[in-house]
N, C-alpha and C. Protein backbone atom coordinates (compact mmCIF):
# COMPACT_ATOMS: atom_id res chain seq x y z
N UNK A 1 0.97 -1.29 0.00
CA UNK A 1 0.01 0.26 -0.11
C UNK A 1 0.80 1.31 -0.02
N UNK A 2 0.44 2.02 -0.97
CA UNK A 2 1.26 3.46 -1.10
C UNK A 2 0.75 4.85 -1.37
N UNK A 3 1.02 5.74 -0.81
CA UNK A 3 0.15 6.88 -1.37
C UNK A 3 1.34 7.59 -2.41
N UNK A 4 0.68 7.77 -3.34
CA UNK A 4 0.82 7.73 -5.38
C UNK A 4 0.34 9.12 -5.67
N UNK A 5 0.94 10.23 -5.76
CA UNK A 5 0.90 11.32 -6.58
C UNK A 5 1.01 11.42 -7.84
N UNK A 6 0.17 10.88 -8.79
CA UNK A 6 -0.18 10.72 -10.27
C UNK A 6 -0.75 11.95 -10.74
N UNK A 7 0.03 12.29 -11.68
CA UNK A 7 -0.50 13.48 -12.63
C UNK A 7 -0.30 13.84 -13.82
N UNK A 8 -0.06 14.87 -14.53
CA UNK A 8 0.66 15.47 -15.84
C UNK A 8 1.19 16.53 -15.66
N UNK A 9 2.05 16.74 -16.42
CA UNK A 9 2.84 18.12 -16.32
C UNK A 9 3.39 18.63 -17.84
N UNK A 10 3.22 20.11 -17.73
CA UNK A 10 4.00 20.46 -18.87
C UNK A 10 5.70 20.57 -18.72
N UNK A 11 6.53 20.62 -19.87
CA UNK A 11 7.96 20.57 -19.44
C UNK A 11 8.26 21.68 -18.79
N UNK A 12 7.67 22.52 -18.31
CA UNK A 12 8.20 23.32 -17.49
C UNK A 12 7.52 23.33 -16.01
N UNK A 13 6.93 22.70 -15.73
CA UNK A 13 6.49 21.87 -14.49
C UNK A 13 5.30 22.54 -13.79
N UNK A 14 4.21 23.00 -14.98
CA UNK A 14 3.07 23.09 -14.53
C UNK A 14 1.68 22.09 -14.84
N UNK A 15 0.60 22.24 -13.97
CA UNK A 15 -0.31 21.49 -14.17
C UNK A 15 -1.34 21.93 -15.36
N UNK A 16 -1.56 23.24 -15.06
CA UNK A 16 -2.91 23.81 -15.40
C UNK A 16 -2.08 25.49 -15.46
N UNK A 17 -2.61 26.03 -16.57
CA UNK A 17 -2.02 27.09 -17.21
C UNK A 17 -2.50 28.52 -16.22
N UNK A 18 -2.48 29.55 -16.62
CA UNK A 18 -2.46 30.80 -15.58
C UNK A 18 -4.25 30.76 -15.68
N UNK A 19 -5.00 30.25 -16.31
CA UNK A 19 -6.23 30.71 -16.29
C UNK A 19 -6.94 28.95 -16.28
N UNK A 20 -6.32 28.21 -15.09
CA UNK A 20 -6.23 26.92 -14.87
C UNK A 20 -7.41 26.09 -16.04
N UNK A 21 -6.58 25.65 -17.18
CA UNK A 21 -6.70 25.36 -18.01
C UNK A 21 -6.42 24.15 -18.65
N UNK A 22 -7.00 23.16 -18.80
CA UNK A 22 -6.00 21.89 -19.41
C UNK A 22 -6.18 21.66 -20.63
N UNK A 23 -6.63 22.57 -21.43
CA UNK A 23 -6.61 22.94 -22.66
C UNK A 23 -5.28 21.97 -23.40
N UNK A 24 -4.20 22.51 -23.35
CA UNK A 24 -2.93 22.44 -23.49
C UNK A 24 -3.10 20.29 -23.49
N UNK A 25 -3.54 20.03 -22.88
CA UNK A 25 -3.12 18.70 -22.42
C UNK A 25 -4.14 17.80 -23.05
N UNK A 26 -5.24 18.15 -23.23
CA UNK A 26 -6.84 17.25 -23.17
C UNK A 26 -6.53 16.30 -24.78
N UNK A 27 -6.32 17.14 -25.46
CA UNK A 27 -5.36 16.90 -27.00
C UNK A 27 -4.91 16.16 -27.45
N UNK A 28 -3.75 15.82 -26.38
CA UNK A 28 -2.69 15.00 -26.72
C UNK A 28 -2.86 13.66 -26.98
N UNK A 29 -1.97 12.72 -27.86
CA UNK A 29 -2.43 11.74 -27.85
C UNK A 29 -1.68 10.65 -26.97
N UNK A 30 -2.35 9.83 -26.58
CA UNK A 30 -1.81 8.84 -25.38
C UNK A 30 -2.46 7.17 -25.83
N UNK A 31 -1.71 6.26 -25.49
CA UNK A 31 -2.27 5.10 -25.70
C UNK A 31 -2.86 4.89 -24.66
N UNK A 32 -4.19 4.21 -24.58
CA UNK A 32 -4.71 3.89 -23.09
C UNK A 32 -4.23 2.95 -22.15
N UNK A 33 -3.45 1.91 -23.23
CA UNK A 33 -2.99 0.24 -23.04
C UNK A 33 -1.63 0.35 -22.69
N UNK A 34 -0.93 1.95 -23.37
CA UNK A 34 0.25 2.25 -23.09
C UNK A 34 0.85 1.99 -21.56
N UNK A 35 2.26 2.33 -21.51
CA UNK A 35 2.49 2.66 -19.99
C UNK A 35 2.56 3.02 -19.06
N UNK A 36 2.12 3.28 -18.01
CA UNK A 36 1.76 3.97 -16.97
C UNK A 36 0.14 5.09 -17.65
N UNK A 37 -0.83 3.89 -17.85
CA UNK A 37 -1.81 4.33 -18.45
C UNK A 37 -3.19 4.33 -17.06
N UNK A 38 -4.02 4.88 -17.16
CA UNK A 38 -4.76 5.32 -16.36
C UNK A 38 -5.97 4.35 -15.45
N UNK A 39 -5.99 3.54 -16.41
CA UNK A 39 -6.81 2.61 -16.26
C UNK A 39 -6.58 1.31 -15.30
N UNK A 40 -5.08 1.11 -15.59
CA UNK A 40 -4.19 0.00 -14.63
C UNK A 40 -3.64 0.57 -13.92
N UNK A 41 -3.39 2.12 -14.04
CA UNK A 41 -3.66 3.04 -12.48
C UNK A 41 -4.30 2.82 -11.50
N UNK A 42 -5.90 3.49 -11.68
CA UNK A 42 -6.83 3.47 -11.21
C UNK A 42 -7.38 2.07 -10.55
N UNK A 43 -7.19 0.96 -10.95
CA UNK A 43 -7.49 -0.67 -10.66
C UNK A 43 -6.46 -0.42 -9.03
N UNK A 44 -5.66 0.35 -9.15
CA UNK A 44 -4.74 0.05 -8.07
C UNK A 44 -5.41 0.69 -6.52
N UNK A 45 -6.43 1.49 -7.02
CA UNK A 45 -6.37 2.86 -5.82
C UNK A 45 -7.58 2.16 -5.35
N UNK A 46 -7.55 2.71 -3.73
CA UNK A 46 -8.62 2.57 -2.52
C UNK A 46 -9.20 3.71 -2.46
N UNK A 47 -8.42 4.83 -2.10
CA UNK A 47 -9.28 6.15 -1.51
C UNK A 47 -8.37 7.05 -2.45
N UNK A 48 -9.32 8.28 -2.68
CA UNK A 48 -8.29 9.35 -3.31
C UNK A 48 -9.00 10.84 -2.64
N UNK A 49 -7.80 11.72 -2.52
CA UNK A 49 -7.50 12.47 -1.97
C UNK A 49 -6.94 14.04 -2.81
N UNK A 50 -7.91 14.96 -2.73
CA UNK A 50 -7.69 15.94 -4.12
C UNK A 50 -7.76 17.39 -3.05
N UNK A 51 -7.14 19.00 -3.79
CA UNK A 51 -7.56 20.44 -3.31
C UNK A 51 -8.57 20.44 -3.33
N UNK A 52 -9.19 21.86 -3.31
CA UNK A 52 -10.45 22.38 -3.47
C UNK A 52 -10.31 22.60 -5.04
N UNK A 53 -9.60 23.44 -5.64
CA UNK A 53 -9.10 23.74 -6.74
C UNK A 53 -9.35 22.37 -7.91
N UNK A 54 -8.68 21.46 -7.51
CA UNK A 54 -8.85 20.07 -8.45
C UNK A 54 -10.41 19.77 -8.55
N UNK A 55 -10.92 19.41 -7.14
CA UNK A 55 -11.96 19.47 -7.05
C UNK A 55 -13.37 20.13 -7.79
N UNK A 56 -13.28 20.96 -7.74
CA UNK A 56 -14.01 22.50 -8.26
C UNK A 56 -13.43 22.30 -9.59
N UNK A 57 -12.82 21.88 -10.36
CA UNK A 57 -12.33 22.14 -11.63
C UNK A 57 -13.26 20.87 -12.03
N UNK A 58 -12.94 19.34 -11.74
CA UNK A 58 -13.68 18.33 -11.59
C UNK A 58 -15.27 18.52 -11.98
N UNK A 59 -15.65 19.22 -11.09
CA UNK A 59 -17.31 19.62 -11.17
C UNK A 59 -17.66 20.54 -12.18
N UNK A 60 -16.62 21.47 -12.71
CA UNK A 60 -16.92 22.46 -13.60
C UNK A 60 -16.81 21.88 -14.79
N UNK A 61 -16.13 21.21 -15.02
CA UNK A 61 -15.76 20.75 -16.18
C UNK A 61 -15.93 19.06 -16.77
N UNK A 62 -16.27 18.74 -15.66
CA UNK A 62 -17.05 16.98 -16.18
C UNK A 62 -18.06 16.90 -15.24
N UNK A 63 -19.08 17.15 -15.45
CA UNK A 63 -20.35 17.45 -14.66
C UNK A 63 -21.02 16.09 -15.12
N UNK A 64 -22.12 15.60 -14.12
CA UNK A 64 -22.55 14.58 -14.21
C UNK A 64 -22.31 13.35 -13.14
N UNK A 65 -22.46 12.24 -13.19
CA UNK A 65 -21.90 11.52 -11.94
C UNK A 65 -20.21 11.83 -11.51
N UNK A 66 -20.71 11.80 -10.16
CA UNK A 66 -18.91 11.53 -9.73
C UNK A 66 -18.22 10.89 -10.66
N UNK A 67 -17.12 11.10 -10.82
CA UNK A 67 -16.13 9.86 -11.77
C UNK A 67 -15.26 9.02 -10.90
N UNK A 68 -15.56 8.90 -9.61
CA UNK A 68 -14.42 8.21 -8.71
C UNK A 68 -15.29 7.17 -8.05
N UNK A 69 -14.95 5.57 -8.21
CA UNK A 69 -15.73 5.02 -7.39
C UNK A 69 -15.65 4.84 -5.94
N UNK A 70 -14.34 5.07 -5.54
CA UNK A 70 -13.73 5.27 -4.33
C UNK A 70 -13.68 6.32 -3.38
N UNK A 71 -13.64 6.31 -2.06
CA UNK A 71 -14.09 7.13 -1.37
C UNK A 71 -13.17 8.24 -1.37
N UNK A 72 -13.66 9.67 -1.69
CA UNK A 72 -12.95 10.57 -1.61
C UNK A 72 -13.16 11.57 -0.77
N UNK A 73 -11.97 12.47 -0.58
CA UNK A 73 -11.59 13.34 0.12
C UNK A 73 -11.17 14.66 -0.44
N UNK A 74 -11.64 15.96 0.24
CA UNK A 74 -11.22 17.30 -0.64
C UNK A 74 -10.80 17.93 0.75
N UNK A 75 -9.81 18.80 0.52
CA UNK A 75 -9.09 19.21 1.13
C UNK A 75 -9.66 20.67 0.94
N UNK A 76 -10.19 21.04 2.14
CA UNK A 76 -10.90 22.32 2.25
C UNK A 76 -11.35 23.06 3.32
N UNK A 77 -11.34 24.44 3.53
CA UNK A 77 -12.01 24.99 4.91
C UNK A 77 -13.57 25.28 4.52
N UNK A 78 -13.79 25.28 3.14
CA UNK A 78 -15.30 25.57 2.84
C UNK A 78 -16.06 24.01 2.28
N UNK A 79 -16.73 23.69 3.19
CA UNK A 79 -17.16 22.29 3.33
C UNK A 79 -18.53 22.56 2.30
N UNK A 80 -19.13 23.46 2.32
CA UNK A 80 -20.45 23.61 1.42
C UNK A 80 -20.10 23.55 -0.07
N UNK A 81 -18.66 23.47 -0.55
CA UNK A 81 -18.58 23.17 -1.78
C UNK A 81 -19.14 21.64 -2.52
N UNK A 82 -19.08 20.88 -1.71
CA UNK A 82 -18.96 19.56 -1.97
C UNK A 82 -20.70 19.30 -1.75
N UNK A 83 -21.21 18.79 -2.55
CA UNK A 83 -22.66 17.97 -2.10
C UNK A 83 -22.41 17.73 -1.29
N UNK A 84 -23.85 17.28 -0.47
CA UNK A 84 -24.08 16.31 0.84
C UNK A 84 -24.74 14.93 0.63
N UNK A 85 -24.11 14.20 1.17
CA UNK A 85 -24.64 12.44 0.61
C UNK A 85 -24.53 12.05 -0.05
N UNK A 86 -22.75 12.55 -0.93
CA UNK A 86 -22.52 11.79 -1.78
C UNK A 86 -21.05 11.26 -1.33
N UNK A 87 -20.04 10.47 -2.27
CA UNK A 87 -19.34 9.70 -1.75
C UNK A 87 -17.93 10.73 -1.40
N UNK A 88 -17.67 11.77 -1.27
CA UNK A 88 -16.98 12.73 -1.21
C UNK A 88 -17.36 13.67 0.10
N UNK A 89 -15.80 13.47 0.93
CA UNK A 89 -15.94 14.15 2.17
C UNK A 89 -15.32 15.35 2.27
N UNK A 90 -15.28 16.36 3.57
CA UNK A 90 -14.41 17.25 3.33
C UNK A 90 -13.36 16.97 4.18
N UNK A 91 -12.29 17.72 4.50
CA UNK A 91 -11.40 17.86 5.39
C UNK A 91 -10.63 19.17 5.54
N UNK A 92 -10.57 19.89 6.66
CA UNK A 92 -9.96 21.01 7.20
C UNK A 92 -8.87 20.40 8.03
N UNK A 93 -7.45 20.57 7.79
CA UNK A 93 -6.54 20.36 8.64
C UNK A 93 -5.54 19.86 7.82
N UNK A 94 -4.25 19.08 9.24
CA UNK A 94 -3.22 18.95 8.89
C UNK A 94 -3.56 17.43 8.35
N UNK A 95 -2.80 17.33 6.92
CA UNK A 95 -2.70 15.63 6.31
C UNK A 95 -2.40 14.88 6.85
N UNK A 96 -1.77 14.85 7.35
CA UNK A 96 -1.25 13.89 8.72
C UNK A 96 -2.14 13.35 9.69
N UNK A 97 -2.74 14.31 9.72
CA UNK A 97 -3.93 13.69 10.48
C UNK A 97 -4.85 12.53 9.56
N UNK A 98 -5.39 13.44 8.21
CA UNK A 98 -6.10 12.45 7.97
C UNK A 98 -5.89 11.20 7.21
N UNK A 99 -4.16 11.58 7.05
CA UNK A 99 -3.75 10.14 6.48
C UNK A 99 -3.81 9.10 7.09
N UNK A 100 -3.87 8.33 8.46
CA UNK A 100 -4.35 7.17 8.57
C UNK A 100 -5.43 6.66 7.81
N UNK A 101 -6.81 7.72 8.11
CA UNK A 101 -7.95 7.79 7.62
C UNK A 101 -8.35 7.21 6.19
N UNK A 102 -7.56 7.61 5.36
CA UNK A 102 -7.45 7.15 3.65
C UNK A 102 -6.63 6.11 3.85
N UNK A 103 -5.39 5.58 4.88
CA UNK A 103 -5.13 4.27 4.20
C UNK A 103 -6.35 3.33 4.96
N UNK A 104 -6.89 3.56 5.71
CA UNK A 104 -8.08 2.76 5.81
C UNK A 104 -8.96 2.44 5.24
N UNK A 105 -9.07 3.49 4.38
CA UNK A 105 -10.50 3.51 3.26
C UNK A 105 -10.08 2.63 2.26
N UNK A 106 -8.42 3.19 2.02
CA UNK A 106 -8.10 2.19 1.13
C UNK A 106 -8.49 0.65 1.08
N UNK A 107 -7.96 0.12 2.10
CA UNK A 107 -8.29 -1.11 2.30
C UNK A 107 -7.50 -2.14 1.50
N UNK A 108 -6.35 -1.20 2.27
CA UNK A 108 -4.96 -2.62 1.23
C UNK A 108 -4.48 -2.05 -0.11
N UNK A 109 -5.23 -1.32 -0.89
CA UNK A 109 -4.84 -0.39 -1.83
C UNK A 109 -4.02 0.45 -1.84
N UNK A 110 -3.70 1.24 -2.91
CA UNK A 110 -3.07 2.65 -2.87
C UNK A 110 -4.05 3.78 -2.78
N UNK A 111 -3.42 4.76 -2.25
CA UNK A 111 -3.85 6.20 -1.95
C UNK A 111 -3.31 7.13 -3.09
N UNK A 112 -4.41 7.48 -3.79
CA UNK A 112 -3.93 8.69 -4.79
C UNK A 112 -4.34 10.29 -4.65
N UNK A 113 -3.00 10.81 -4.22
CA UNK A 113 -2.82 12.43 -4.07
C UNK A 113 -3.47 12.99 -5.97
N UNK A 114 -4.65 13.42 -6.37
CA UNK A 114 -4.94 13.65 -7.26
C UNK A 114 -4.33 15.50 -7.66
N UNK A 115 -4.43 15.41 -9.08
CA UNK A 115 -4.48 16.99 -9.14
C UNK A 115 -3.22 17.61 -8.75
N UNK A 116 -3.76 18.81 -8.49
CA UNK A 116 -3.12 20.54 -7.80
C UNK A 116 -1.97 19.88 -6.77
N UNK A 117 -0.51 20.76 -6.99
CA UNK A 117 0.38 20.65 -6.67
C UNK A 117 0.83 20.89 -4.71
N UNK A 118 -0.71 22.24 -4.82
CA UNK A 118 -0.79 22.51 -3.29
C UNK A 118 -1.21 21.10 -2.39
N UNK A 119 -1.94 20.40 -2.57
CA UNK A 119 -2.49 19.49 -1.84
C UNK A 119 -1.09 18.26 -1.92
N UNK A 120 -0.37 18.00 -3.21
CA UNK A 120 0.57 17.07 -3.17
C UNK A 120 1.24 17.67 -2.30
N UNK A 121 2.03 19.17 -2.01
CA UNK A 121 3.14 19.45 -1.74
C UNK A 121 2.68 19.66 -0.12
N UNK A 122 1.52 19.67 0.42
CA UNK A 122 1.00 19.20 2.11
C UNK A 122 1.50 17.63 2.30
N UNK A 123 1.19 16.93 1.44
CA UNK A 123 1.58 15.48 1.60
C UNK A 123 3.09 15.38 1.82
N UNK A 124 4.07 15.72 0.71
CA UNK A 124 5.23 15.45 0.62
C UNK A 124 5.86 16.47 1.61
N UNK A 125 5.77 17.45 2.11
CA UNK A 125 5.89 18.20 2.91
C UNK A 125 5.87 17.36 4.44
N UNK A 126 4.81 16.48 4.65
CA UNK A 126 4.50 15.70 5.54
C UNK A 126 4.99 14.09 5.77
N UNK A 127 5.74 14.25 4.57
CA UNK A 127 6.80 12.60 4.20
C UNK A 127 5.43 11.76 4.24
N UNK A 128 4.89 11.69 3.27
CA UNK A 128 3.28 11.05 3.14
C UNK A 128 3.31 10.62 1.76
N UNK A 129 4.04 10.95 0.54
CA UNK A 129 4.25 10.71 -0.60
C UNK A 129 5.18 9.45 -0.83
N UNK A 130 4.75 8.06 -1.02
CA UNK A 130 5.72 7.09 -1.13
C UNK A 130 6.07 7.14 -2.81
N UNK A 131 5.25 7.69 -3.98
CA UNK A 131 5.47 7.65 -5.15
C UNK A 131 5.41 9.04 -5.93
N UNK A 132 5.68 9.37 -6.56
CA UNK A 132 5.07 10.36 -7.95
C UNK A 132 5.37 9.65 -9.21
N UNK A 133 3.87 9.86 -10.01
CA UNK A 133 4.14 9.42 -11.28
C UNK A 133 3.37 10.73 -11.93
N UNK A 134 4.22 10.98 -13.06
CA UNK A 134 4.32 12.38 -13.74
C UNK A 134 4.36 11.94 -15.20
N UNK A 135 3.35 12.28 -15.94
CA UNK A 135 3.32 12.16 -17.24
C UNK A 135 3.41 13.67 -18.08
N UNK A 136 4.85 13.66 -18.84
CA UNK A 136 5.20 15.15 -19.33
C UNK A 136 4.95 15.26 -20.50
N UNK A 137 3.85 16.03 -21.08
CA UNK A 137 3.17 16.77 -22.15
C UNK A 137 4.31 17.58 -22.77
N UNK A 138 4.62 17.32 -24.23
CA UNK A 138 5.74 18.07 -25.02
C UNK A 138 5.21 19.65 -24.96
N UNK A 139 4.99 20.58 -24.19
CA UNK A 139 4.81 21.67 -24.42
C UNK A 139 5.21 22.45 -23.23
N UNK A 140 5.36 23.93 -23.05
CA UNK A 140 5.76 24.69 -21.62
C UNK A 140 4.37 25.43 -21.91
N UNK A 141 4.41 25.91 -20.47
CA UNK A 141 3.33 27.15 -20.24
C UNK A 141 3.48 28.42 -19.98
N UNK A 142 4.82 28.63 -19.30
CA UNK A 142 5.38 29.48 -18.38
C UNK A 142 4.51 30.01 -17.55
N UNK A 143 3.32 29.58 -17.00
CA UNK A 143 2.68 30.32 -15.93
C UNK A 143 1.62 29.29 -15.50
N UNK A 144 1.29 29.13 -14.15
CA UNK A 144 0.20 28.61 -13.95
C UNK A 144 0.35 27.88 -12.18
N UNK A 145 -0.03 26.39 -12.24
CA UNK A 145 -0.18 26.01 -10.85
C UNK A 145 1.00 25.22 -11.02
N UNK A 146 2.31 25.29 -10.41
CA UNK A 146 3.16 24.00 -10.37
C UNK A 146 2.81 22.62 -9.68
N UNK A 147 3.53 21.58 -10.76
CA UNK A 147 2.97 20.13 -9.96
C UNK A 147 3.50 20.31 -8.76
N UNK A 148 4.32 20.65 -8.28
CA UNK A 148 4.94 20.72 -6.62
C UNK A 148 5.78 21.77 -5.98
N UNK A 149 5.04 22.28 -5.79
CA UNK A 149 5.56 23.93 -5.13
C UNK A 149 6.50 23.93 -4.03
N UNK A 150 7.38 22.69 -3.39
CA UNK A 150 8.15 22.59 -2.98
C UNK A 150 9.02 21.87 -2.73
N UNK A 151 10.38 22.56 -2.14
CA UNK A 151 11.43 21.58 -2.67
C UNK A 151 11.58 20.73 -2.08
N UNK A 152 12.05 19.36 -3.13
CA UNK A 152 11.76 17.83 -2.47
C UNK A 152 12.69 16.75 -3.21
N UNK A 153 12.89 15.91 -3.06
CA UNK A 153 14.31 15.04 -3.20
C UNK A 153 13.07 13.36 -3.89
N UNK A 154 14.16 13.03 -5.01
CA UNK A 154 13.62 12.06 -5.46
C UNK A 154 14.24 10.88 -6.34
N UNK A 155 13.44 9.96 -6.28
CA UNK A 155 14.64 8.92 -6.79
C UNK A 155 14.40 8.44 -7.96
N UNK A 156 14.46 8.20 -9.20
CA UNK A 156 14.01 7.34 -10.52
C UNK A 156 13.64 6.44 -10.64
N UNK A 157 12.83 5.73 -10.50
CA UNK A 157 12.20 4.29 -10.49
C UNK A 157 12.45 3.89 -12.07
N UNK A 158 11.40 4.33 -12.88
CA UNK A 158 11.02 3.80 -13.93
C UNK A 158 10.59 4.94 -15.16
N UNK A 159 11.25 4.90 -15.97
CA UNK A 159 10.63 5.86 -17.28
C UNK A 159 10.26 5.03 -18.38
N UNK A 160 9.62 5.74 -19.47
CA UNK A 160 8.64 5.21 -20.44
C UNK A 160 7.99 6.44 -21.45
N UNK A 161 7.42 5.99 -22.69
CA UNK A 161 7.33 7.19 -23.77
C UNK A 161 6.14 6.12 -23.79
N UNK A 162 4.78 7.32 -23.83
CA UNK A 162 3.61 7.23 -24.43
C UNK A 162 3.10 7.88 -25.50
N UNK A 163 3.28 7.66 -26.21
CA UNK A 163 2.73 8.39 -27.70
C UNK A 163 3.60 9.95 -27.43
N UNK A 164 2.52 10.90 -27.15
CA UNK A 164 3.12 12.20 -26.57
C UNK A 164 3.68 12.11 -25.49
N UNK A 165 3.63 11.55 -24.41
CA UNK A 165 3.94 11.70 -23.32
C UNK A 165 5.40 11.02 -23.00
N UNK A 166 6.22 11.72 -22.04
CA UNK A 166 7.43 10.87 -21.08
C UNK A 166 7.08 10.60 -19.82
N UNK A 167 6.87 9.37 -19.45
CA UNK A 167 5.90 8.89 -18.50
C UNK A 167 7.11 8.60 -17.32
N UNK A 168 7.43 9.45 -16.12
CA UNK A 168 7.98 8.81 -15.06
C UNK A 168 7.44 8.50 -13.90
N UNK A 169 8.43 7.28 -12.85
CA UNK A 169 7.98 6.86 -11.50
C UNK A 169 8.84 7.47 -10.99
N UNK A 170 8.86 8.07 -9.95
CA UNK A 170 10.00 8.65 -8.98
C UNK A 170 9.49 8.15 -7.33
N UNK A 171 10.26 7.80 -6.86
CA UNK A 171 9.95 7.20 -5.27
C UNK A 171 10.84 8.27 -4.30
N UNK A 172 10.35 8.38 -3.38
CA UNK A 172 10.74 9.71 -2.52
C UNK A 172 12.00 9.46 -2.03
N UNK A 173 13.17 10.31 -2.20
CA UNK A 173 14.12 9.68 -1.62
C UNK A 173 14.55 9.85 0.18
C-alpha cells in the first residue's frame, strides 16, 4: 500500500495554465493501454484525496455522475463546495491527521493524491508521498499551478514513452 501522486505536467512543471485550463493537455495523443496508463493505475487505488481547486475543476468541467468509485476527500475549509450525501467528504486540517483514515479507507490498496500541487505539497512536506508518477506533455506553459510547489528530492524508478508523453515514476528519496 502506497500513497501516490499521479499527475500530468508541462515540460516547465505546470499542471494547469494561468487560467486554470487543461486545454494544453486534453488533445494530446496517449495510448490507453500504454505505459503508465490510467486504467491500470486506477485499478490499484482504494481511496482518493484532492485539493479544492481540483475538485471544483472536476465539477465544472466534467459534469454528471462523480467519476471516482473510491471514497474521496477534498482538502478545504469550505465544506459547502461539496454536495451532501455523496461519496465525497471534506477535510480541513493537517494531512498527517487525515492520512491514517485514507489508508484505512483504501483497504490494502493505494491512496491517490489527485491533481494540484498544493495538496501534493502538503503530503510531501509531511513525508507521506511514497511515489510520484508524472506524464510530461511536449509543451511549456510559462505560468500556472506548479506540479509541486515545494523543494523535495526523488529517485528515478522507471520511465517510458507513451505516444506524446514521457512518463516517469519517482520514489521519495
